[in-house]
Amino acid sequence: MTTIKLGGKERELKFSFASLRALENYYKKPIGKIFTENIANESLETLVVMLWACLYKSDKKLTVEKVEELIDESLETEELTFEDLKNALQEAFNNSVLTKTKKEADEKN
């Protein structure tokens, strides 16, 4: 399980099925295209949206804008570093349903 402290609260980061669907709805494209096109560009918007998606299942009231505010606050108070955030998102991605399914399919072939 991947966690980060954000906004004074310990939060679990998880790319669940619900969060992957939220990403599809946000970007208005299939999940495969999101991960090949958006992840590769490493933009700050992508970072915020991916974090929002990871938190989506545990708090559906969070918006992308609120997540951005939480990131700002956490960076300013040094509760979190930019590197910690990137590493946590990468770990959550590596532990995601999507990644595990792909690994299993690759191992069968």
PDB file of N, CA and C in Angstrom:
ATOM      1  N   MET A   1       0.837  -1.170   0.000  1.00  0.00           N
ATOM      2  CA  MET A   1       0.000   0.000   0.000  1.00  0.00           C
ATOM      3  C   MET A   1       0.890   1.244   0.000  1.00  0.00           C
ATOM      4  N   THR A   2       0.517   2.215  -0.818  1.00  0.00           N
ATOM      5  CA  THR A   2       1.258   3.456  -0.927  1.00  0.00           C
ATOM      6  C   THR A   2       0.487   4.566  -0.216  1.00  0.00           C
ATOM      7  N   THR A   3       1.176   5.288   0.663  1.00  0.00           N
ATOM      8  CA  THR A   3       0.539   6.404   1.357  1.00  0.00           C
ATOM      9  C   THR A   3       1.431   7.640   1.287  1.00  0.00           C
ATOM     10  N   ILE A   4       0.793   8.797   1.372  1.00  0.00           N
ATOM     11  CA  ILE A   4       1.512  10.061   1.509  1.00  0.00           C
ATOM     12  C   ILE A   4       0.763  10.915   2.519  1.00  0.00           C
ATOM     13  N   LYS A   5       1.469  11.855   3.094  1.00  0.00           N
ATOM     14  CA  LYS A   5       0.811  12.823   3.979  1.00  0.00           C
ATOM     15  C   LYS A   5       0.500  14.036   3.120  1.00  0.00           C
ATOM     16  N   LEU A   6      -0.772  14.388   3.084  1.00  0.00           N
ATOM     17  CA  LEU A   6      -1.227  15.476   2.227  1.00  0.00           C
ATOM     18  C   LEU A   6      -2.321  16.240   2.959  1.00  0.00           C
ATOM     19  N   GLY A   7      -2.127  17.531   3.131  1.00  0.00           N
ATOM     20  CA  GLY A   7      -3.116  18.331   3.832  1.00  0.00           C
ATOM     21  C   GLY A   7      -3.278  17.925   5.285  1.00  0.00           C
ATOM     22  N   GLY A   8      -2.178  17.495   5.909  1.00  0.00           N
ATOM     23  CA  GLY A   8      -2.229  17.109   7.317  1.00  0.00           C
ATOM     24  C   GLY A   8      -2.850  15.757   7.577  1.00  0.00           C
ATOM     25  N   LYS A   9      -3.066  15.004   6.529  1.00  0.00           N
ATOM     26  CA  LYS A   9      -3.750  13.714   6.658  1.00  0.00           C
ATOM     27  C   LYS A   9      -2.996  12.643   5.868  1.00  0.00           C
ATOM     28  N   GLU A  10      -2.852  11.473   6.460  1.00  0.00           N
ATOM     29  CA  GLU A  10      -2.247  10.334   5.765  1.00  0.00           C
ATOM     30  C   GLU A  10      -3.273   9.793   4.761  1.00  0.00           C
ATOM     31  N   ARG A  11      -2.869   9.678   3.496  1.00  0.00           N
ATOM     32  CA  ARG A  11      -3.805   9.258   2.453  1.00  0.00           C
ATOM     33  C   ARG A  11      -3.218   8.092   1.649  1.00  0.00           C
ATOM     34  N   GLU A  12      -4.085   7.137   1.360  1.00  0.00           N
ATOM     35  CA  GLU A  12      -3.686   5.993   0.548  1.00  0.00           C
ATOM     36  C   GLU A  12      -3.823   6.357  -0.926  1.00  0.00           C
ATOM     37  N   LEU A  13      -2.784   6.032  -1.691  1.00  0.00           N
ATOM     38  CA  LEU A  13      -2.818   6.239  -3.132  1.00  0.00           C
ATOM     39  C   LEU A  13      -3.066   4.901  -3.799  1.00  0.00           C
ATOM     40  N   LYS A  14      -4.099   4.858  -4.630  1.00  0.00           N
ATOM     41  CA  LYS A  14      -4.428   3.601  -5.278  1.00  0.00           C
ATOM     42  C   LYS A  14      -5.093   3.869  -6.625  1.00  0.00           C
ATOM     43  N   PHE A  15      -4.557   3.251  -7.659  1.00  0.00           N
ATOM     44  CA  PHE A  15      -5.200   3.284  -8.967  1.00  0.00           C
ATOM     45  C   PHE A  15      -6.186   2.129  -9.017  1.00  0.00           C
ATOM     46  N   SER A  16      -7.379   2.360  -8.490  1.00  0.00           N
ATOM     47  CA  SER A  16      -8.433   1.346  -8.487  1.00  0.00           C
ATOM     48  C   SER A  16      -9.184   1.404  -9.817  1.00  0.00           C
ATOM     49  N   PHE A  17     -10.100   0.484 -10.001  1.00  0.00           N
ATOM     50  CA  PHE A  17     -10.953   0.504 -11.183  1.00  0.00           C
ATOM     51  C   PHE A  17     -11.719   1.830 -11.249  1.00  0.00           C
ATOM     52  N   ALA A  18     -12.250   2.269 -10.095  1.00  0.00           N
ATOM     53  CA  ALA A  18     -13.002   3.531 -10.042  1.00  0.00           C
ATOM     54  C   ALA A  18     -12.125   4.718 -10.422  1.00  0.00           C
ATOM     55  N   SER A  19     -10.893   4.714  -9.966  1.00  0.00           N
ATOM     56  CA  SER A  19     -10.014   5.836 -10.296  1.00  0.00           C
ATOM     57  C   SER A  19      -9.614   5.817 -11.770  1.00  0.00           C
ATOM     58  N   LEU A  20      -9.463   4.633 -12.333  1.00  0.00           N
ATOM     59  CA  LEU A  20      -9.139   4.549 -13.763  1.00  0.00           C
ATOM     60  C   LEU A  20     -10.303   5.055 -14.612  1.00  0.00           C
ATOM     61  N   ARG A  21     -11.525   4.738 -14.187  1.00  0.00           N
ATOM     62  CA  ARG A  21     -12.709   5.265 -14.893  1.00  0.00           C
ATOM     63  C   ARG A  21     -12.799   6.785 -14.743  1.00  0.00           C
ATOM     64  N   ALA A  22     -12.452   7.292 -13.574  1.00  0.00           N
ATOM     65  CA  ALA A  22     -12.451   8.744 -13.366  1.00  0.00           C
ATOM     66  C   ALA A  22     -11.453   9.416 -14.304  1.00  0.00           C
ATOM     67  N   LEU A  23     -10.301   8.788 -14.501  1.00  0.00           N
ATOM     68  CA  LEU A  23      -9.315   9.312 -15.448  1.00  0.00           C
ATOM     69  C   LEU A  23      -9.873   9.333 -16.872  1.00  0.00           C
ATOM     70  N   GLU A  24     -10.528   8.249 -17.263  1.00  0.00           N
ATOM     71  CA  GLU A  24     -11.135   8.207 -18.603  1.00  0.00           C
ATOM     72  C   GLU A  24     -12.159   9.335 -18.761  1.00  0.00           C
ATOM     73  N   ASN A  25     -12.971   9.536 -17.748  1.00  0.00           N
ATOM     74  CA  ASN A  25     -13.971  10.606 -17.811  1.00  0.00           C
ATOM     75  C   ASN A  25     -13.323  11.985 -17.860  1.00  0.00           C
ATOM     76  N   TYR A  26     -12.256  12.185 -17.107  1.00  0.00           N
ATOM     77  CA  TYR A  26     -11.572  13.473 -17.068  1.00  0.00           C
ATOM     78  C   TYR A  26     -10.943  13.796 -18.422  1.00  0.00           C
ATOM     79  N   TYR A  27     -10.198  12.840 -18.966  1.00  0.00           N
ATOM     80  CA  TYR A  27      -9.474  13.066 -20.226  1.00  0.00           C
ATOM     81  C   TYR A  27     -10.317  12.790 -21.472  1.00  0.00           C
ATOM     82  N   LYS A  28     -11.449  12.132 -21.293  1.00  0.00           N
ATOM     83  CA  LYS A  28     -12.346  11.787 -22.414  1.00  0.00           C
ATOM     84  C   LYS A  28     -11.633  10.936 -23.474  1.00  0.00           C
ATOM     85  N   LYS A  29     -10.899   9.936 -22.974  1.00  0.00           N
ATOM     86  CA  LYS A  29     -10.236   8.966 -23.851  1.00  0.00           C
ATOM     87  C   LYS A  29      -9.952   7.690 -23.074  1.00  0.00           C
ATOM     88  N   PRO A  30      -9.710   6.592 -23.791  1.00  0.00           N
ATOM     89  CA  PRO A  30      -9.464   5.301 -23.123  1.00  0.00           C
ATOM     90  C   PRO A  30      -8.208   5.334 -22.254  1.00  0.00           C
ATOM     91  N   ILE A  31      -8.223   4.513 -21.229  1.00  0.00           N
ATOM     92  CA  ILE A  31      -7.143   4.484 -20.249  1.00  0.00           C
ATOM     93  C   ILE A  31      -5.778   4.201 -20.887  1.00  0.00           C
ATOM     94  N   GLY A  32      -5.741   3.322 -21.891  1.00  0.00           N
ATOM     95  CA  GLY A  32      -4.474   3.024 -22.564  1.00  0.00           C
ATOM     96  C   GLY A  32      -3.847   4.256 -23.182  1.00  0.00           C
ATOM     97  N   LYS A  33      -4.658   5.082 -23.820  1.00  0.00           N
ATOM     98  CA  LYS A  33      -4.152   6.316 -24.425  1.00  0.00           C
ATOM     99  C   LYS A  33      -3.705   7.312 -23.362  1.00  0.00           C
ATOM    100  N   ILE A  34      -4.419   7.347 -22.259  1.00  0.00           N
ATOM    101  CA  ILE A  34      -4.043   8.268 -21.177  1.00  0.00           C
ATOM    102  C   ILE A  34      -2.633   7.950 -20.688  1.00  0.00           C
ATOM    103  N   PHE A  35      -2.388   6.670 -20.452  1.00  0.00           N
ATOM    104  CA  PHE A  35      -1.083   6.293 -19.914  1.00  0.00           C
ATOM    105  C   PHE A  35       0.034   6.404 -20.944  1.00  0.00           C
ATOM    106  N   THR A  36      -0.261   6.239 -22.214  1.00  0.00           N
ATOM    107  CA  THR A  36       0.801   6.390 -23.211  1.00  0.00           C
ATOM    108  C   THR A  36       1.028   7.847 -23.602  1.00  0.00           C
ATOM    109  N   GLU A  37      -0.033   8.638 -23.661  1.00  0.00           N
ATOM    110  CA  GLU A  37       0.097  10.030 -24.092  1.00  0.00           C
ATOM    111  C   GLU A  37       0.351  10.996 -22.935  1.00  0.00           C
ATOM    112  N   ASN A  38      -0.414  10.901 -21.877  1.00  0.00           N
ATOM    113  CA  ASN A  38      -0.326  11.890 -20.809  1.00  0.00           C
ATOM    114  C   ASN A  38       0.804  11.625 -19.823  1.00  0.00           C
ATOM    115  N   ILE A  39       1.026  10.384 -19.493  1.00  0.00           N
ATOM    116  CA  ILE A  39       2.098  10.073 -18.541  1.00  0.00           C
ATOM    117  C   ILE A  39       3.461  10.424 -19.133  1.00  0.00           C
ATOM    118  N   ALA A  40       3.622  10.184 -20.406  1.00  0.00           N
ATOM    119  CA  ALA A  40       4.905  10.428 -21.063  1.00  0.00           C
ATOM    120  C   ALA A  40       5.307  11.905 -21.019  1.00  0.00           C
ATOM    121  N   ASN A  41       4.328  12.826 -21.012  1.00  0.00           N
ATOM    122  CA  ASN A  41       4.690  14.240 -21.059  1.00  0.00           C
ATOM    123  C   ASN A  41       5.101  14.816 -19.706  1.00  0.00           C
ATOM    124  N   GLU A  42       4.841  14.098 -18.622  1.00  0.00           N
ATOM    125  CA  GLU A  42       5.278  14.477 -17.275  1.00  0.00           C
ATOM    126  C   GLU A  42       4.915  15.908 -16.894  1.00  0.00           C
ATOM    127  N   SER A  43       3.757  16.397 -17.321  1.00  0.00           N
ATOM    128  CA  SER A  43       3.351  17.758 -16.981  1.00  0.00           C
ATOM    129  C   SER A  43       2.844  17.839 -15.546  1.00  0.00           C
ATOM    130  N   LEU A  44       2.823  19.046 -15.019  1.00  0.00           N
ATOM    131  CA  LEU A  44       2.289  19.244 -13.676  1.00  0.00           C
ATOM    132  C   LEU A  44       0.798  18.932 -13.635  1.00  0.00           C
ATOM    133  N   GLU A  45       0.077  19.246 -14.703  1.00  0.00           N
ATOM    134  CA  GLU A  45      -1.344  18.915 -14.761  1.00  0.00           C
ATOM    135  C   GLU A  45      -1.540  17.409 -14.622  1.00  0.00           C
ATOM    136  N   THR A  46      -0.743  16.640 -15.333  1.00  0.00           N
ATOM    137  CA  THR A  46      -0.850  15.189 -15.265  1.00  0.00           C
ATOM    138  C   THR A  46      -0.580  14.697 -13.845  1.00  0.00           C
ATOM    139  N   LEU A  47       0.407  15.263 -13.196  1.00  0.00           N
ATOM    140  CA  LEU A  47       0.736  14.889 -11.825  1.00  0.00           C
ATOM    141  C   LEU A  47      -0.459  15.128 -10.897  1.00  0.00           C
ATOM    142  N   VAL A  48      -1.081  16.290 -11.004  1.00  0.00           N
ATOM    143  CA  VAL A  48      -2.229  16.625 -10.154  1.00  0.00           C
ATOM    144  C   VAL A  48      -3.404  15.699 -10.451  1.00  0.00           C
ATOM    145  N   VAL A  49      -3.675  15.473 -11.737  1.00  0.00           N
ATOM    146  CA  VAL A  49      -4.813  14.637 -12.126  1.00  0.00           C
ATOM    147  C   VAL A  49      -4.594  13.192 -11.691  1.00  0.00           C
ATOM    148  N   MET A  50      -3.387  12.691 -11.819  1.00  0.00           N
ATOM    149  CA  MET A  50      -3.099  11.321 -11.388  1.00  0.00           C
ATOM    150  C   MET A  50      -3.268  11.183  -9.873  1.00  0.00           C
ATOM    151  N   LEU A  51      -2.817  12.186  -9.132  1.00  0.00           N
ATOM    152  CA  LEU A  51      -2.995  12.147  -7.682  1.00  0.00           C
ATOM    153  C   LEU A  51      -4.485  12.184  -7.340  1.00  0.00           C
ATOM    154  N   TRP A  52      -5.234  13.071  -7.995  1.00  0.00           N
ATOM    155  CA  TRP A  52      -6.685  13.133  -7.791  1.00  0.00           C
ATOM    156  C   TRP A  52      -7.320  11.764  -8.054  1.00  0.00           C
ATOM    157  N   ALA A  53      -6.912  11.118  -9.139  1.00  0.00           N
ATOM    158  CA  ALA A  53      -7.478   9.807  -9.485  1.00  0.00           C
ATOM    159  C   ALA A  53      -7.149   8.771  -8.407  1.00  0.00           C
ATOM    160  N   CYS A  54      -5.930   8.800  -7.891  1.00  0.00           N
ATOM    161  CA  CYS A  54      -5.542   7.853  -6.834  1.00  0.00           C
ATOM    162  C   CYS A  54      -6.366   8.045  -5.566  1.00  0.00           C
ATOM    163  N   LEU A  55      -6.784   9.267  -5.311  1.00  0.00           N
ATOM    164  CA  LEU A  55      -7.551   9.577  -4.104  1.00  0.00           C
ATOM    165  C   LEU A  55      -9.053   9.475  -4.326  1.00  0.00           C
ATOM    166  N   TYR A  56      -9.468   9.295  -5.565  1.00  0.00           N
ATOM    167  CA  TYR A  56     -10.873   9.354  -5.958  1.00  0.00           C
ATOM    168  C   TYR A  56     -11.760   8.376  -5.187  1.00  0.00           C
ATOM    169  N   LYS A  57     -11.332   7.138  -5.080  1.00  0.00           N
ATOM    170  CA  LYS A  57     -12.178   6.126  -4.435  1.00  0.00           C
ATOM    171  C   LYS A  57     -12.416   6.426  -2.955  1.00  0.00           C
ATOM    172  N   SER A  58     -11.396   6.947  -2.288  1.00  0.00           N
ATOM    173  CA  SER A  58     -11.530   7.205  -0.851  1.00  0.00           C
ATOM    174  C   SER A  58     -12.216   8.536  -0.537  1.00  0.00           C
ATOM    175  N   ASP A  59     -12.251   9.455  -1.526  1.00  0.00           N
ATOM    176  CA  ASP A  59     -12.885  10.750  -1.277  1.00  0.00           C
ATOM    177  C   ASP A  59     -13.402  11.340  -2.588  1.00  0.00           C
ATOM    178  N   LYS A  60     -14.613  10.969  -2.953  1.00  0.00           N
ATOM    179  CA  LYS A  60     -15.208  11.412  -4.219  1.00  0.00           C
ATOM    180  C   LYS A  60     -15.536  12.901  -4.240  1.00  0.00           C
ATOM    181  N   LYS A  61     -15.483  13.565  -3.073  1.00  0.00           N
ATOM    182  CA  LYS A  61     -15.748  15.004  -3.012  1.00  0.00           C
ATOM    183  C   LYS A  61     -14.537  15.834  -3.434  1.00  0.00           C
ATOM    184  N   LEU A  62     -13.354  15.223  -3.447  1.00  0.00           N
ATOM    185  CA  LEU A  62     -12.158  15.952  -3.863  1.00  0.00           C
ATOM    186  C   LEU A  62     -12.255  16.324  -5.337  1.00  0.00           C
ATOM    187  N   THR A  63     -11.833  17.524  -5.644  1.00  0.00           N
ATOM    188  CA  THR A  63     -11.749  17.958  -7.043  1.00  0.00           C
ATOM    189  C   THR A  63     -10.281  18.085  -7.419  1.00  0.00           C
ATOM    190  N   VAL A  64     -10.015  18.197  -8.693  1.00  0.00           N
ATOM    191  CA  VAL A  64      -8.645  18.399  -9.155  1.00  0.00           C
ATOM    192  C   VAL A  64      -8.092  19.690  -8.540  1.00  0.00           C
ATOM    193  N   GLU A  65      -8.916  20.726  -8.502  1.00  0.00           N
ATOM    194  CA  GLU A  65      -8.490  22.004  -7.933  1.00  0.00           C
ATOM    195  C   GLU A  65      -8.140  21.883  -6.451  1.00  0.00           C
ATOM    196  N   LYS A  66      -8.947  21.138  -5.696  1.00  0.00           N
ATOM    197  CA  LYS A  66      -8.678  20.945  -4.273  1.00  0.00           C
ATOM    198  C   LYS A  66      -7.390  20.155  -4.063  1.00  0.00           C
ATOM    199  N   VAL A  67      -7.154  19.149  -4.900  1.00  0.00           N
ATOM    200  CA  VAL A  67      -5.915  18.369  -4.814  1.00  0.00           C
ATOM    201  C   VAL A  67      -4.713  19.276  -5.085  1.00  0.00           C
ATOM    202  N   GLU A  68      -4.849  20.160  -6.054  1.00  0.00           N
ATOM    203  CA  GLU A  68      -3.785  21.117  -6.364  1.00  0.00           C
ATOM    204  C   GLU A  68      -3.498  22.000  -5.141  1.00  0.00           C
ATOM    205  N   GLU A  69      -4.543  22.466  -4.464  1.00  0.00           N
ATOM    206  CA  GLU A  69      -4.378  23.267  -3.248  1.00  0.00           C
ATOM    207  C   GLU A  69      -3.682  22.466  -2.148  1.00  0.00           C
ATOM    208  N   LEU A  70      -4.074  21.210  -2.001  1.00  0.00           N
ATOM    209  CA  LEU A  70      -3.448  20.352  -0.988  1.00  0.00           C
ATOM    210  C   LEU A  70      -1.968  20.136  -1.289  1.00  0.00           C
ATOM    211  N   ILE A  71      -1.637  19.980  -2.564  1.00  0.00           N
ATOM    212  CA  ILE A  71      -0.230  19.810  -2.945  1.00  0.00           C
ATOM    213  C   ILE A  71       0.541  21.076  -2.588  1.00  0.00           C
ATOM    214  N   ASP A  72       0.021  22.243  -2.980  1.00  0.00           N
ATOM    215  CA  ASP A  72       0.683  23.510  -2.656  1.00  0.00           C
ATOM    216  C   ASP A  72       0.931  23.639  -1.163  1.00  0.00           C
ATOM    217  N   GLU A  73      -0.118  23.397  -0.389  1.00  0.00           N
ATOM    218  CA  GLU A  73      -0.026  23.509   1.068  1.00  0.00           C
ATOM    219  C   GLU A  73       1.018  22.543   1.622  1.00  0.00           C
ATOM    220  N   SER A  74       1.005  21.321   1.146  1.00  0.00           N
ATOM    221  CA  SER A  74       1.921  20.296   1.655  1.00  0.00           C
ATOM    222  C   SER A  74       3.368  20.580   1.257  1.00  0.00           C
ATOM    223  N   LEU A  75       3.578  21.135   0.085  1.00  0.00           N
ATOM    224  CA  LEU A  75       4.935  21.503  -0.336  1.00  0.00           C
ATOM    225  C   LEU A  75       5.440  22.696   0.472  1.00  0.00           C
ATOM    226  N   GLU A  76       4.561  23.678   0.695  1.00  0.00           N
ATOM    227  CA  GLU A  76       4.943  24.876   1.452  1.00  0.00           C
ATOM    228  C   GLU A  76       5.272  24.557   2.902  1.00  0.00           C
ATOM    229  N   THR A  77       4.545  23.634   3.503  1.00  0.00           N
ATOM    230  CA  THR A  77       4.797  23.275   4.901  1.00  0.00           C
ATOM    231  C   THR A  77       5.858  22.184   5.030  1.00  0.00           C
ATOM    232  N   GLU A  78       6.380  21.747   3.896  1.00  0.00           N
ATOM    233  CA  GLU A  78       7.396  20.688   3.833  1.00  0.00           C
ATOM    234  C   GLU A  78       6.906  19.371   4.409  1.00  0.00           C
ATOM    235  N   GLU A  79       5.605  19.192   4.369  1.00  0.00           N
ATOM    236  CA  GLU A  79       4.989  17.926   4.756  1.00  0.00           C
ATOM    237  C   GLU A  79       5.297  16.871   3.693  1.00  0.00           C
ATOM    238  N   LEU A  80       5.577  17.362   2.501  1.00  0.00           N
ATOM    239  CA  LEU A  80       5.784  16.511   1.327  1.00  0.00           C
ATOM    240  C   LEU A  80       6.772  17.209   0.402  1.00  0.00           C
ATOM    241  N   THR A  81       7.624  16.433  -0.249  1.00  0.00           N
ATOM    242  CA  THR A  81       8.494  17.003  -1.280  1.00  0.00           C
ATOM    243  C   THR A  81       7.957  16.597  -2.645  1.00  0.00           C
ATOM    244  N   PHE A  82       8.359  17.336  -3.639  1.00  0.00           N
ATOM    245  CA  PHE A  82       7.946  17.020  -5.004  1.00  0.00           C
ATOM    246  C   PHE A  82       8.421  15.624  -5.389  1.00  0.00           C
ATOM    247  N   GLU A  83       9.620  15.284  -4.983  1.00  0.00           N
ATOM    248  CA  GLU A  83      10.182  13.956  -5.277  1.00  0.00           C
ATOM    249  C   GLU A  83       9.388  12.861  -4.572  1.00  0.00           C
ATOM    250  N   ASP A  84       8.998  13.080  -3.319  1.00  0.00           N
ATOM    251  CA  ASP A  84       8.164  12.116  -2.588  1.00  0.00           C
ATOM    252  C   ASP A  84       6.859  11.869  -3.330  1.00  0.00           C
ATOM    253  N   LEU A  85       6.257  12.942  -3.817  1.00  0.00           N
ATOM    254  CA  LEU A  85       4.987  12.845  -4.534  1.00  0.00           C
ATOM    255  C   LEU A  85       5.148  12.030  -5.809  1.00  0.00           C
ATOM    256  N   LYS A  86       6.174  12.336  -6.592  1.00  0.00           N
ATOM    257  CA  LYS A  86       6.417  11.588  -7.837  1.00  0.00           C
ATOM    258  C   LYS A  86       6.679  10.114  -7.545  1.00  0.00           C
ATOM    259  N   ASN A  87       7.490   9.833  -6.541  1.00  0.00           N
ATOM    260  CA  ASN A  87       7.805   8.440  -6.193  1.00  0.00           C
ATOM    261  C   ASN A  87       6.574   7.680  -5.716  1.00  0.00           C
ATOM    262  N   ALA A  88       5.730   8.340  -4.923  1.00  0.00           N
ATOM    263  CA  ALA A  88       4.510   7.692  -4.422  1.00  0.00           C
ATOM    264  C   ALA A  88       3.552   7.378  -5.572  1.00  0.00           C
ATOM    265  N   LEU A  89       3.416   8.309  -6.508  1.00  0.00           N
ATOM    266  CA  LEU A  89       2.552   8.052  -7.664  1.00  0.00           C
ATOM    267  C   LEU A  89       3.091   6.900  -8.510  1.00  0.00           C
ATOM    268  N   GLN A  90       4.406   6.856  -8.671  1.00  0.00           N
ATOM    269  CA  GLN A  90       5.013   5.767  -9.440  1.00  0.00           C
ATOM    270  C   GLN A  90       4.773   4.428  -8.751  1.00  0.00           C
ATOM    271  N   GLU A  91       4.925   4.397  -7.438  1.00  0.00           N
ATOM    272  CA  GLU A  91       4.680   3.166  -6.678  1.00  0.00           C
ATOM    273  C   GLU A  91       3.217   2.742  -6.789  1.00  0.00           C
ATOM    274  N   ALA A  92       2.299   3.712  -6.681  1.00  0.00           N
ATOM    275  CA  ALA A  92       0.874   3.401  -6.811  1.00  0.00           C
ATOM    276  C   ALA A  92       0.577   2.850  -8.200  1.00  0.00           C
ATOM    277  N   PHE A  93       1.198   3.420  -9.213  1.00  0.00           N
ATOM    278  CA  PHE A  93       1.024   2.926 -10.576  1.00  0.00           C
ATOM    279  C   PHE A  93       1.548   1.502 -10.700  1.00  0.00           C
ATOM    280  N   ASN A  94       2.726   1.243 -10.151  1.00  0.00           N
ATOM    281  CA  ASN A  94       3.322  -0.097 -10.226  1.00  0.00           C
ATOM    282  C   ASN A  94       2.468  -1.149  -9.513  1.00  0.00           C
ATOM    283  N   ASN A  95       1.712  -0.725  -8.503  1.00  0.00           N
ATOM    284  CA  ASN A  95       0.844  -1.635  -7.755  1.00  0.00           C
ATOM    285  C   ASN A  95      -0.599  -1.626  -8.255  1.00  0.00           C
ATOM    286  N   SER A  96      -0.848  -0.941  -9.354  1.00  0.00           N
ATOM    287  CA  SER A  96      -2.218  -0.765  -9.838  1.00  0.00           C
ATOM    288  C   SER A  96      -2.791  -2.023 -10.477  1.00  0.00           C
ATOM    289  N   VAL A  97      -4.097  -2.047 -10.538  1.00  0.00           N
ATOM    290  CA  VAL A  97      -4.831  -3.123 -11.200  1.00  0.00           C
ATOM    291  C   VAL A  97      -4.368  -3.233 -12.649  1.00  0.00           C
ATOM    292  N   LEU A  98      -4.218  -2.098 -13.304  1.00  0.00           N
ATOM    293  CA  LEU A  98      -3.808  -2.051 -14.709  1.00  0.00           C
ATOM    294  C   LEU A  98      -2.444  -2.705 -14.919  1.00  0.00           C
ATOM    295  N   THR A  99      -1.485  -2.328 -14.101  1.00  0.00           N
ATOM    296  CA  THR A  99      -0.128  -2.858 -14.231  1.00  0.00           C
ATOM    297  C   THR A  99      -0.074  -4.344 -13.908  1.00  0.00           C
ATOM    298  N   LYS A 100      -0.759  -4.752 -12.841  1.00  0.00           N
ATOM    299  CA  LYS A 100      -0.767  -6.170 -12.466  1.00  0.00           C
ATOM    300  C   LYS A 100      -1.420  -7.027 -13.549  1.00  0.00           C
ATOM    301  N   THR A 101      -2.504  -6.537 -14.140  1.00  0.00           N
ATOM    302  CA  THR A 101      -3.190  -7.271 -15.207  1.00  0.00           C
ATOM    303  C   THR A 101      -2.279  -7.424 -16.418  1.00  0.00           C
ATOM    304  N   LYS A 102      -1.565  -6.345 -16.764  1.00  0.00           N
ATOM    305  CA  LYS A 102      -0.655  -6.399 -17.909  1.00  0.00           C
ATOM    306  C   LYS A 102       0.490  -7.371 -17.641  1.00  0.00           C
ATOM    307  N   LYS A 103       1.055  -7.341 -16.434  1.00  0.00           N
ATOM    308  CA  LYS A 103       2.142  -8.268 -16.085  1.00  0.00           C
ATOM    309  C   LYS A 103       1.683  -9.721 -16.195  1.00  0.00           C
ATOM    310  N   GLU A 104       0.489  -9.995 -15.686  1.00  0.00           N
ATOM    311  CA  GLU A 104      -0.044 -11.365 -15.756  1.00  0.00           C
ATOM    312  C   GLU A 104      -0.244 -11.798 -17.200  1.00  0.00           C
ATOM    313  N   ALA A 105      -0.739 -10.912 -18.031  1.00  0.00           N
ATOM    314  CA  ALA A 105      -0.946 -11.239 -19.449  1.00  0.00           C
ATOM    315  C   ALA A 105       0.395 -11.482 -20.141  1.00  0.00           C
ATOM    316  N   ASP A 106       1.403 -10.663 -19.830  1.00  0.00           N
ATOM    317  CA  ASP A 106       2.726 -10.837 -20.419  1.00  0.00           C
ATOM    318  C   ASP A 106       3.362 -12.157 -19.998  1.00  0.00           C
ATOM    319  N   GLU A 107       3.155 -12.542 -18.731  1.00  0.00           N
ATOM    320  CA  GLU A 107       3.732 -13.776 -18.227  1.00  0.00           C
ATOM    321  C   GLU A 107       3.084 -15.012 -18.864  1.00  0.00           C
ATOM    322  N   LYS A 108       1.827 -14.895 -19.249  1.00  0.00           N
ATOM    323  CA  LYS A 108       1.133 -16.019 -19.902  1.00  0.00           C
ATOM    324  C   LYS A 108       1.619 -16.218 -21.327  1.00  0.00           C
ATOM    325  N   ASN A 109       2.100 -15.150 -21.937  1.00  0.00           N
ATOM    326  CA  ASN A 109       2.570 -15.222 -23.343  1.00  0.00           C
ATOM    327  C   ASN A 109       3.982 -15.593 -23.441  1.00  0.00           C
TER     328      ASN A 109
END
